[in-house]
């Protein structure tokens, strides 16, 4: 193997790593948003129950 092939392979592996990390961040953000919505619903329900 020469250095050109190794360089290209390194760039490819780096690009795949970037794409995978972006997908992971997007998934974690989505899960965080869903958790925030659930917490908001729970607080609203608790507030309503306290008022009733």
Protein backbone atom coordinates (compact mmCIF):
# COMPACT_ATOMS: atom_id res chain seq x y z
CA UNK A 1 0.00 0.00 0.00
CA UNK A 2 1.25 3.43 -0.76
CA UNK A 3 0.57 6.64 1.13
CA UNK A 4 -2.14 7.81 -1.28
CA UNK A 5 -4.26 4.76 -0.58
CA UNK A 6 -3.71 5.07 3.17
CA UNK A 7 -4.61 8.77 3.02
CA UNK A 8 -7.80 8.08 1.10
CA UNK A 9 -8.73 5.29 3.49
CA UNK A 10 -8.16 7.59 6.46
CA UNK A 11 -10.35 10.29 4.93
CA UNK A 12 -13.11 7.77 4.25
CA UNK A 13 -13.01 6.41 7.79
CA UNK A 14 -13.03 9.95 9.17
CA UNK A 15 -16.05 10.89 7.04
CA UNK A 16 -17.95 7.80 8.18
CA UNK A 17 -17.13 8.68 11.79
CA UNK A 18 -18.46 12.22 11.33
CA UNK A 19 -21.71 10.98 9.80
CA UNK A 20 -22.21 8.43 12.58
CA UNK A 21 -21.61 11.05 15.28
CA UNK A 22 -24.09 13.43 13.65
CA UNK A 23 -26.69 10.67 13.60
CA UNK A 24 -26.00 9.92 17.27
CA UNK A 25 -26.35 13.58 18.24
CA UNK A 26 -29.62 13.85 16.29
CA UNK A 27 -31.01 10.78 18.05
CA UNK A 28 -30.04 12.06 21.49
CA UNK A 29 -31.61 15.44 20.76
CA UNK A 30 -34.83 13.76 19.66
CA UNK A 31 -34.90 11.66 22.83
CA UNK A 32 -34.25 14.76 24.93
CA UNK A 33 -37.10 16.65 23.26
CA UNK A 34 -39.47 13.71 23.84
CA UNK A 35 -38.44 13.56 27.50
CA UNK A 36 -39.04 17.30 27.89
CA UNK A 37 -42.52 16.92 26.41
CA UNK A 38 -43.32 14.07 28.79
CA UNK A 39 -42.09 16.10 31.76
CA UNK A 40 -44.18 19.08 30.69
CA UNK A 41 -47.31 16.91 30.43
CA UNK A 42 -46.61 15.46 33.87
CA UNK A 43 -46.20 18.90 35.45
CA UNK A 44 -49.37 20.15 33.79
CA UNK A 45 -51.31 17.13 35.04
CA UNK A 46 -49.95 17.56 38.56
CA UNK A 47 -50.86 21.25 38.52
CA UNK A 48 -54.36 20.48 37.27
CA UNK A 49 -54.83 17.81 39.96
CA UNK A 50 -53.64 20.23 42.64
CA UNK A 51 -56.14 22.84 41.50
CA UNK A 52 -59.07 20.42 41.38
